[in-house]
N, C-alpha and C. Protein backbone atom coordinates (compact mmCIF):
# COMPACT_ATOMS: atom_id res chain seq x y z
N VAL A 1 -36.35 -6.27 13.97
CA VAL A 1 -36.13 -7.34 13.01
C VAL A 1 -34.74 -7.92 13.16
N SER A 2 -33.72 -7.07 13.38
CA SER A 2 -32.35 -7.58 13.41
C SER A 2 -32.12 -8.48 14.61
N SER A 3 -32.72 -8.22 15.76
CA SER A 3 -32.51 -9.09 16.92
C SER A 3 -33.14 -10.46 16.68
N TYR A 4 -34.30 -10.50 16.00
CA TYR A 4 -34.91 -11.78 15.67
C TYR A 4 -34.07 -12.55 14.65
N ALA A 5 -33.57 -11.82 13.65
CA ALA A 5 -32.75 -12.46 12.62
C ALA A 5 -31.48 -13.03 13.23
N LYS A 6 -30.86 -12.26 14.12
CA LYS A 6 -29.65 -12.76 14.79
C LYS A 6 -29.98 -13.99 15.64
N LEU A 7 -31.10 -13.93 16.35
CA LEU A 7 -31.51 -15.06 17.17
C LEU A 7 -31.79 -16.27 16.30
N ASP A 8 -32.55 -16.11 15.19
CA ASP A 8 -32.83 -17.21 14.29
C ASP A 8 -31.53 -17.79 13.74
N THR A 9 -30.61 -16.91 13.36
CA THR A 9 -29.33 -17.36 12.82
C THR A 9 -28.57 -18.17 13.86
N SER A 10 -28.53 -17.67 15.06
CA SER A 10 -27.81 -18.38 16.13
C SER A 10 -28.44 -19.73 16.42
N VAL A 11 -29.77 -19.77 16.52
CA VAL A 11 -30.47 -21.02 16.81
C VAL A 11 -30.22 -22.03 15.70
N CYS A 12 -30.32 -21.58 14.47
CA CYS A 12 -30.11 -22.49 13.33
C CYS A 12 -28.68 -23.01 13.31
N LEU A 13 -27.73 -22.12 13.55
CA LEU A 13 -26.33 -22.57 13.56
C LEU A 13 -26.09 -23.60 14.64
N ILE A 14 -26.66 -23.36 15.82
CA ILE A 14 -26.50 -24.32 16.93
C ILE A 14 -27.15 -25.65 16.57
N CYS A 15 -28.37 -25.60 16.05
CA CYS A 15 -29.07 -26.84 15.67
C CYS A 15 -28.28 -27.63 14.65
N PHE A 16 -27.84 -26.96 13.60
CA PHE A 16 -27.13 -27.67 12.54
C PHE A 16 -25.77 -28.15 13.01
N SER A 17 -25.11 -27.41 13.86
CA SER A 17 -23.80 -27.88 14.33
C SER A 17 -23.98 -29.08 15.26
N ASN A 18 -25.03 -29.09 16.06
CA ASN A 18 -25.27 -30.23 16.96
C ASN A 18 -25.72 -31.46 16.20
N LEU A 19 -26.42 -31.26 15.11
CA LEU A 19 -26.91 -32.40 14.33
C LEU A 19 -25.89 -32.88 13.32
N GLY A 20 -24.80 -32.17 13.18
CA GLY A 20 -23.76 -32.61 12.27
C GLY A 20 -24.12 -32.39 10.81
N GLU A 21 -25.10 -31.57 10.53
CA GLU A 21 -25.51 -31.33 9.16
C GLU A 21 -24.86 -30.04 8.69
N SER A 22 -24.56 -29.96 7.41
CA SER A 22 -23.99 -28.73 6.86
C SER A 22 -25.13 -27.80 6.48
N PHE A 23 -24.86 -26.54 6.58
CA PHE A 23 -25.86 -25.56 6.22
C PHE A 23 -25.14 -24.34 5.69
N GLU A 24 -25.74 -23.67 4.78
CA GLU A 24 -25.11 -22.52 4.19
C GLU A 24 -25.21 -21.34 5.15
N VAL A 25 -24.14 -21.11 5.89
CA VAL A 25 -24.10 -20.05 6.89
C VAL A 25 -24.23 -18.70 6.22
N SER A 26 -23.69 -18.57 5.03
CA SER A 26 -23.74 -17.27 4.36
C SER A 26 -25.17 -16.82 4.14
N LYS A 27 -26.09 -17.75 3.86
CA LYS A 27 -27.48 -17.38 3.67
C LYS A 27 -28.09 -16.88 4.97
N LEU A 28 -27.73 -17.53 6.08
CA LEU A 28 -28.24 -17.08 7.37
C LEU A 28 -27.67 -15.70 7.71
N GLU A 29 -26.40 -15.52 7.45
CA GLU A 29 -25.78 -14.23 7.73
C GLU A 29 -26.36 -13.16 6.82
N GLU A 30 -26.61 -13.53 5.58
CA GLU A 30 -27.22 -12.60 4.62
C GLU A 30 -28.59 -12.16 5.11
N SER A 31 -29.37 -13.11 5.65
CA SER A 31 -30.68 -12.80 6.19
C SER A 31 -30.56 -11.83 7.34
N SER A 32 -29.60 -12.07 8.19
CA SER A 32 -29.38 -11.19 9.33
C SER A 32 -28.97 -9.80 8.86
N ALA A 33 -28.06 -9.73 7.89
CA ALA A 33 -27.60 -8.45 7.37
C ALA A 33 -28.74 -7.70 6.69
N LEU A 34 -29.57 -8.40 5.96
CA LEU A 34 -30.70 -7.77 5.31
C LEU A 34 -31.65 -7.19 6.34
N GLY A 35 -31.87 -7.94 7.41
CA GLY A 35 -32.73 -7.45 8.49
C GLY A 35 -32.14 -6.20 9.12
N GLU A 36 -30.84 -6.17 9.33
CA GLU A 36 -30.19 -5.00 9.91
C GLU A 36 -30.29 -3.83 8.94
N HIS A 37 -30.05 -4.08 7.65
CA HIS A 37 -30.14 -3.03 6.64
C HIS A 37 -31.55 -2.45 6.60
N SER A 38 -32.52 -3.32 6.69
CA SER A 38 -33.90 -2.89 6.68
C SER A 38 -34.20 -2.00 7.87
N SER A 39 -33.70 -2.37 9.04
CA SER A 39 -33.92 -1.57 10.23
C SER A 39 -33.25 -0.22 10.09
N LEU A 40 -32.02 -0.21 9.56
CA LEU A 40 -31.30 1.04 9.38
C LEU A 40 -32.02 1.91 8.36
N SER A 41 -32.54 1.30 7.31
CA SER A 41 -33.24 2.05 6.28
C SER A 41 -34.50 2.69 6.84
N GLN A 42 -35.16 2.00 7.73
CA GLN A 42 -36.37 2.55 8.33
C GLN A 42 -36.05 3.78 9.17
N MET A 43 -34.89 3.77 9.79
CA MET A 43 -34.51 4.89 10.64
C MET A 43 -33.99 6.06 9.81
N ASP A 44 -33.54 5.80 8.60
CA ASP A 44 -32.96 6.83 7.75
C ASP A 44 -34.08 7.70 7.18
N GLY A 45 -34.06 8.97 7.50
CA GLY A 45 -35.11 9.87 7.06
C GLY A 45 -34.97 10.27 5.61
N ASP A 46 -33.82 10.06 4.98
CA ASP A 46 -33.59 10.45 3.60
C ASP A 46 -34.32 9.54 2.62
N GLN A 47 -34.61 8.27 3.02
CA GLN A 47 -35.26 7.30 2.14
C GLN A 47 -36.75 7.61 2.05
N PRO A 48 -37.30 7.45 0.89
CA PRO A 48 -38.76 7.65 0.81
C PRO A 48 -39.48 6.52 1.54
N LEU A 49 -40.64 6.80 2.06
CA LEU A 49 -41.42 5.85 2.85
C LEU A 49 -41.77 4.61 2.05
N VAL A 50 -42.04 4.74 0.77
CA VAL A 50 -42.41 3.61 -0.08
C VAL A 50 -41.23 2.65 -0.20
N LYS A 51 -40.03 3.20 -0.40
CA LYS A 51 -38.86 2.35 -0.53
C LYS A 51 -38.56 1.63 0.78
N GLN A 52 -38.73 2.32 1.90
CA GLN A 52 -38.51 1.70 3.21
C GLN A 52 -39.51 0.57 3.42
N THR A 53 -40.75 0.80 3.08
CA THR A 53 -41.78 -0.24 3.23
C THR A 53 -41.47 -1.42 2.33
N SER A 54 -41.05 -1.17 1.11
CA SER A 54 -40.71 -2.22 0.17
C SER A 54 -39.54 -3.06 0.69
N LEU A 55 -38.51 -2.40 1.17
CA LEU A 55 -37.36 -3.13 1.73
C LEU A 55 -37.77 -3.95 2.95
N THR A 56 -38.59 -3.38 3.79
CA THR A 56 -39.04 -4.08 5.00
C THR A 56 -39.87 -5.30 4.62
N GLU A 57 -40.80 -5.12 3.68
CA GLU A 57 -41.63 -6.25 3.25
C GLU A 57 -40.78 -7.33 2.61
N ARG A 58 -39.84 -6.93 1.76
CA ARG A 58 -38.97 -7.90 1.10
C ARG A 58 -38.10 -8.62 2.15
N ALA A 59 -37.62 -7.89 3.12
CA ALA A 59 -36.82 -8.50 4.18
C ALA A 59 -37.65 -9.51 4.96
N HIS A 60 -38.90 -9.15 5.25
CA HIS A 60 -39.77 -10.07 5.98
C HIS A 60 -40.07 -11.31 5.15
N LEU A 61 -40.34 -11.10 3.85
CA LEU A 61 -40.61 -12.25 2.98
C LEU A 61 -39.38 -13.14 2.86
N ASP A 62 -38.21 -12.53 2.64
CA ASP A 62 -36.97 -13.30 2.55
C ASP A 62 -36.72 -14.06 3.85
N SER A 63 -36.94 -13.38 4.94
CA SER A 63 -36.73 -14.00 6.24
C SER A 63 -37.70 -15.16 6.44
N ALA A 64 -38.96 -14.95 6.07
CA ALA A 64 -39.97 -16.01 6.22
C ALA A 64 -39.63 -17.20 5.32
N GLU A 65 -39.20 -16.92 4.09
CA GLU A 65 -38.82 -18.02 3.18
C GLU A 65 -37.62 -18.79 3.71
N ARG A 66 -36.64 -18.05 4.18
CA ARG A 66 -35.44 -18.71 4.73
C ARG A 66 -35.79 -19.52 5.96
N GLN A 67 -36.64 -18.97 6.80
CA GLN A 67 -37.04 -19.70 8.00
C GLN A 67 -37.80 -20.97 7.61
N LYS A 68 -38.63 -20.84 6.59
CA LYS A 68 -39.37 -22.02 6.12
C LYS A 68 -38.40 -23.09 5.59
N ARG A 69 -37.38 -22.66 4.83
CA ARG A 69 -36.37 -23.61 4.33
C ARG A 69 -35.59 -24.24 5.49
N VAL A 70 -35.25 -23.41 6.46
CA VAL A 70 -34.52 -23.93 7.62
C VAL A 70 -35.37 -24.95 8.36
N GLU A 71 -36.64 -24.64 8.54
CA GLU A 71 -37.54 -25.58 9.21
C GLU A 71 -37.67 -26.88 8.42
N GLN A 72 -37.76 -26.75 7.09
CA GLN A 72 -37.83 -27.95 6.25
C GLN A 72 -36.55 -28.77 6.37
N ASP A 73 -35.42 -28.07 6.35
CA ASP A 73 -34.14 -28.77 6.51
C ASP A 73 -34.07 -29.46 7.87
N LEU A 74 -34.51 -28.76 8.90
CA LEU A 74 -34.51 -29.37 10.24
C LEU A 74 -35.43 -30.58 10.30
N ASN A 75 -36.59 -30.48 9.65
CA ASN A 75 -37.52 -31.62 9.63
C ASN A 75 -36.89 -32.81 8.92
N ILE A 76 -36.19 -32.56 7.84
CA ILE A 76 -35.51 -33.65 7.12
C ILE A 76 -34.46 -34.29 8.01
N VAL A 77 -33.69 -33.45 8.70
CA VAL A 77 -32.66 -33.97 9.61
C VAL A 77 -33.30 -34.79 10.72
N ILE A 78 -34.38 -34.28 11.27
CA ILE A 78 -35.08 -34.99 12.35
C ILE A 78 -35.61 -36.33 11.84
N GLN A 79 -36.19 -36.34 10.64
CA GLN A 79 -36.70 -37.59 10.07
C GLN A 79 -35.57 -38.60 9.86
N LYS A 80 -34.43 -38.11 9.35
CA LYS A 80 -33.30 -39.02 9.16
C LYS A 80 -32.81 -39.56 10.49
N GLN A 81 -32.72 -38.70 11.50
CA GLN A 81 -32.26 -39.12 12.81
C GLN A 81 -33.25 -40.12 13.42
N SER A 82 -34.54 -39.89 13.23
CA SER A 82 -35.56 -40.81 13.75
C SER A 82 -35.45 -42.17 13.08
N ALA A 83 -35.26 -42.16 11.77
CA ALA A 83 -35.12 -43.44 11.05
C ALA A 83 -33.87 -44.17 11.52
N GLN A 84 -32.79 -43.44 11.69
CA GLN A 84 -31.55 -44.06 12.16
C GLN A 84 -31.73 -44.61 13.58
N LEU A 85 -32.42 -43.87 14.43
CA LEU A 85 -32.69 -44.34 15.79
C LEU A 85 -33.52 -45.61 15.77
N GLN A 86 -34.54 -45.65 14.91
CA GLN A 86 -35.38 -46.84 14.80
C GLN A 86 -34.56 -48.05 14.34
N GLU A 87 -33.67 -47.82 13.36
CA GLU A 87 -32.80 -48.91 12.89
C GLU A 87 -31.90 -49.40 14.01
N GLU A 88 -31.36 -48.49 14.78
CA GLU A 88 -30.49 -48.87 15.89
C GLU A 88 -31.26 -49.64 16.95
N ARG A 89 -32.48 -49.23 17.21
CA ARG A 89 -33.31 -49.96 18.19
C ARG A 89 -33.60 -51.36 17.70
N SER A 90 -33.92 -51.48 16.42
CA SER A 90 -34.21 -52.79 15.84
C SER A 90 -32.97 -53.68 15.90
N ARG A 91 -31.84 -53.12 15.54
CA ARG A 91 -30.59 -53.88 15.59
C ARG A 91 -30.25 -54.29 17.02
N SER A 92 -30.49 -53.40 17.95
CA SER A 92 -30.24 -53.70 19.36
C SER A 92 -31.12 -54.85 19.83
N ALA A 93 -32.38 -54.83 19.43
CA ALA A 93 -33.30 -55.91 19.81
C ALA A 93 -32.84 -57.23 19.21
N SER A 94 -32.41 -57.21 17.96
CA SER A 94 -31.91 -58.44 17.32
C SER A 94 -30.67 -58.96 18.03
N LEU A 95 -29.78 -58.05 18.35
CA LEU A 95 -28.55 -58.46 19.06
C LEU A 95 -28.87 -59.01 20.45
N SER A 96 -29.87 -58.46 21.09
CA SER A 96 -30.28 -58.97 22.40
C SER A 96 -30.80 -60.40 22.28
N GLN A 97 -31.57 -60.66 21.22
CA GLN A 97 -32.07 -62.02 21.01
C GLN A 97 -30.93 -62.99 20.75
N VAL A 98 -29.99 -62.58 19.92
CA VAL A 98 -28.83 -63.43 19.62
C VAL A 98 -28.03 -63.67 20.90
N ASN A 99 -27.86 -62.62 21.69
CA ASN A 99 -27.13 -62.74 22.94
C ASN A 99 -27.80 -63.75 23.88
N SER A 100 -29.12 -63.68 24.00
CA SER A 100 -29.85 -64.63 24.84
C SER A 100 -29.67 -66.06 24.34
N TRP A 101 -29.78 -66.24 23.03
CA TRP A 101 -29.61 -67.58 22.45
C TRP A 101 -28.20 -68.10 22.73
N LEU A 102 -27.21 -67.25 22.56
CA LEU A 102 -25.82 -67.66 22.82
C LEU A 102 -25.61 -68.01 24.29
N ARG A 103 -26.25 -67.27 25.19
CA ARG A 103 -26.13 -67.60 26.62
C ARG A 103 -26.74 -68.97 26.91
N GLU A 104 -27.88 -69.26 26.28
CA GLU A 104 -28.49 -70.58 26.45
C GLU A 104 -27.56 -71.67 25.94
N GLN A 105 -26.98 -71.44 24.76
CA GLN A 105 -26.05 -72.41 24.20
C GLN A 105 -24.85 -72.60 25.13
N LEU A 106 -24.35 -71.51 25.66
CA LEU A 106 -23.20 -71.57 26.57
C LEU A 106 -23.56 -72.37 27.83
N ASP A 107 -24.75 -72.15 28.35
CA ASP A 107 -25.19 -72.91 29.53
C ASP A 107 -25.25 -74.41 29.22
N GLN A 108 -25.78 -74.75 28.04
CA GLN A 108 -25.86 -76.16 27.65
C GLN A 108 -24.46 -76.77 27.49
N VAL A 109 -23.58 -76.02 26.85
CA VAL A 109 -22.21 -76.51 26.66
C VAL A 109 -21.52 -76.66 28.01
N ASP A 110 -21.77 -75.72 28.90
CA ASP A 110 -21.19 -75.78 30.25
C ASP A 110 -21.66 -77.03 30.99
N THR A 111 -22.95 -77.34 30.87
CA THR A 111 -23.51 -78.53 31.52
C THR A 111 -22.86 -79.80 30.96
N VAL A 112 -22.76 -79.88 29.64
CA VAL A 112 -22.14 -81.04 29.00
C VAL A 112 -20.68 -81.15 29.42
N ASN A 113 -19.98 -80.02 29.45
CA ASN A 113 -18.57 -80.00 29.84
C ASN A 113 -18.40 -80.49 31.27
N ASN A 114 -19.26 -80.03 32.18
CA ASN A 114 -19.18 -80.49 33.57
C ASN A 114 -19.42 -82.00 33.66
N GLY A 115 -20.37 -82.51 32.88
CA GLY A 115 -20.61 -83.95 32.86
C GLY A 115 -19.39 -84.71 32.35
N LEU A 116 -18.75 -84.19 31.31
CA LEU A 116 -17.55 -84.84 30.77
C LEU A 116 -16.41 -84.82 31.77
N VAL A 117 -16.26 -83.71 32.49
CA VAL A 117 -15.20 -83.62 33.51
C VAL A 117 -15.44 -84.65 34.61
N GLU A 118 -16.69 -84.77 35.04
CA GLU A 118 -17.03 -85.77 36.06
C GLU A 118 -16.72 -87.18 35.56
N SER A 119 -17.12 -87.46 34.33
CA SER A 119 -16.87 -88.79 33.76
C SER A 119 -15.37 -89.06 33.65
N LEU A 120 -14.62 -88.08 33.24
CA LEU A 120 -13.18 -88.23 33.11
C LEU A 120 -12.53 -88.48 34.48
N LEU A 121 -12.93 -87.73 35.48
CA LEU A 121 -12.38 -87.94 36.82
C LEU A 121 -12.73 -89.33 37.35
N LYS A 122 -13.96 -89.74 37.10
CA LYS A 122 -14.38 -91.08 37.53
C LYS A 122 -13.57 -92.16 36.80
N ALA A 123 -13.37 -91.96 35.49
CA ALA A 123 -12.60 -92.94 34.71
C ALA A 123 -11.15 -92.98 35.17
N ARG A 124 -10.57 -91.82 35.51
CA ARG A 124 -9.18 -91.80 36.02
C ARG A 124 -9.07 -92.55 37.35
N LYS A 125 -10.03 -92.34 38.23
CA LYS A 125 -10.02 -93.05 39.52
C LYS A 125 -10.12 -94.56 39.31
N GLU A 126 -11.02 -94.93 38.42
CA GLU A 126 -11.20 -96.36 38.13
C GLU A 126 -9.92 -96.94 37.50
N ALA A 127 -9.31 -96.17 36.60
CA ALA A 127 -8.07 -96.64 35.96
C ALA A 127 -6.96 -96.79 36.99
N GLN A 128 -6.89 -95.85 37.93
CA GLN A 128 -5.87 -95.94 38.99
C GLN A 128 -6.13 -97.17 39.87
N ARG A 129 -7.40 -97.42 40.21
CA ARG A 129 -7.72 -98.62 41.02
C ARG A 129 -7.34 -99.88 40.26
N PHE A 130 -7.70 -99.92 38.98
CA PHE A 130 -7.38 -101.10 38.17
C PHE A 130 -5.87 -101.29 38.08
N GLU A 131 -5.14 -100.21 37.86
CA GLU A 131 -3.68 -100.29 37.77
C GLU A 131 -3.07 -100.77 39.09
N THR A 132 -3.61 -100.27 40.19
CA THR A 132 -3.12 -100.70 41.51
C THR A 132 -3.38 -102.18 41.71
N ARG A 133 -4.55 -102.65 41.38
CA ARG A 133 -4.88 -104.07 41.54
C ARG A 133 -4.03 -104.94 40.62
N LEU A 134 -3.84 -104.45 39.39
CA LEU A 134 -3.04 -105.21 38.43
C LEU A 134 -1.59 -105.33 38.92
N ARG A 135 -1.05 -104.23 39.45
CA ARG A 135 0.30 -104.28 40.01
C ARG A 135 0.37 -105.26 41.19
N GLY A 136 -0.67 -105.20 42.00
CA GLY A 136 -0.71 -106.12 43.15
C GLY A 136 -0.77 -107.57 42.70
N GLU A 137 -1.52 -107.82 41.63
CA GLU A 137 -1.61 -109.19 41.11
C GLU A 137 -0.26 -109.62 40.56
N ARG A 138 0.42 -108.75 39.89
CA ARG A 138 1.73 -109.08 39.33
C ARG A 138 2.76 -109.30 40.43
N GLU A 139 2.62 -108.55 41.48
CA GLU A 139 3.59 -108.69 42.59
C GLU A 139 3.22 -109.84 43.52
N GLY A 140 2.06 -110.41 43.29
CA GLY A 140 1.69 -111.57 44.07
C GLY A 140 0.81 -111.27 45.26
N THR A 141 0.37 -110.04 45.44
CA THR A 141 -0.47 -109.73 46.59
C THR A 141 -1.85 -110.32 46.42
N VAL A 142 -2.35 -110.36 45.21
CA VAL A 142 -3.65 -110.93 44.95
C VAL A 142 -3.42 -112.14 44.06
N ALA A 143 -4.16 -113.19 44.31
CA ALA A 143 -3.99 -114.40 43.52
C ALA A 143 -4.37 -114.12 42.08
N PRO A 144 -3.57 -114.62 41.10
CA PRO A 144 -3.85 -114.37 39.68
C PRO A 144 -5.25 -114.84 39.30
N GLY A 145 -5.96 -113.91 38.51
CA GLY A 145 -7.29 -114.26 38.03
C GLY A 145 -8.37 -114.06 39.06
N HIS A 146 -8.03 -113.55 40.25
CA HIS A 146 -9.03 -113.35 41.29
C HIS A 146 -9.14 -111.86 41.67
N LEU A 147 -9.52 -111.03 40.75
CA LEU A 147 -9.71 -109.62 41.05
C LEU A 147 -11.07 -109.46 41.71
N PRO A 148 -11.18 -108.54 42.63
CA PRO A 148 -12.49 -108.31 43.29
C PRO A 148 -13.55 -107.93 42.26
N ALA A 149 -14.81 -108.11 42.64
CA ALA A 149 -15.94 -107.90 41.73
C ALA A 149 -16.06 -106.46 41.24
N GLU A 150 -15.58 -105.48 42.03
CA GLU A 150 -15.73 -104.09 41.63
C GLU A 150 -14.57 -103.61 40.75
N HIS A 151 -13.84 -104.55 40.14
CA HIS A 151 -12.69 -104.14 39.32
C HIS A 151 -13.15 -103.42 38.05
N PHE A 152 -12.24 -102.76 37.42
CA PHE A 152 -12.46 -101.92 36.25
C PHE A 152 -12.68 -102.75 35.00
N HIS A 153 -13.76 -102.46 34.26
CA HIS A 153 -14.06 -103.11 32.99
C HIS A 153 -13.96 -102.06 31.89
N PRO A 154 -12.77 -101.92 31.25
CA PRO A 154 -12.59 -100.86 30.26
C PRO A 154 -13.59 -100.94 29.12
N ALA A 155 -13.87 -102.11 28.60
CA ALA A 155 -14.76 -102.23 27.44
C ALA A 155 -16.17 -101.82 27.83
N LYS A 156 -16.60 -102.09 29.05
CA LYS A 156 -17.96 -101.79 29.49
C LYS A 156 -18.08 -100.31 29.92
N ASP A 157 -17.08 -99.76 30.59
CA ASP A 157 -17.17 -98.41 31.16
C ASP A 157 -16.96 -97.30 30.15
N PHE A 158 -16.29 -97.53 29.04
CA PHE A 158 -16.00 -96.46 28.10
C PHE A 158 -16.90 -96.44 26.88
N HIS A 159 -18.06 -97.09 26.91
CA HIS A 159 -18.98 -97.05 25.76
C HIS A 159 -20.01 -96.02 25.94
């Protein structure tokens, strides 16, 4: 009995320590001590057989009750952990959906940004050409009022 009680105590302590749950260690140790006492009592020839049997039966019943409570406690812990895992999975799925939506939005913004950069570069080139032609007209290289047909039209190009 004592080797089983020690094993049960060790297994329970390991389970509860790994799960982060508190457990009354004294009850487990008490169960182990009772099992050891029962074994010692059985070996003691001075005790009457009835008392030894009574102690052994009570030790077995106490051990079975404690084991049942430990199993119930473990089941509760497992249920809580399962529920928490399910919540985390659900949250992860939601975050994945949000992440996908944000990536799509980022792609759209990137496309619009690239279009704006192209338009800006084109407008700068056109402005530089217009400025060059205007300077040339002022300096007399081109006859006043006679700009080439491909000249810059600010009112038309920036709408």
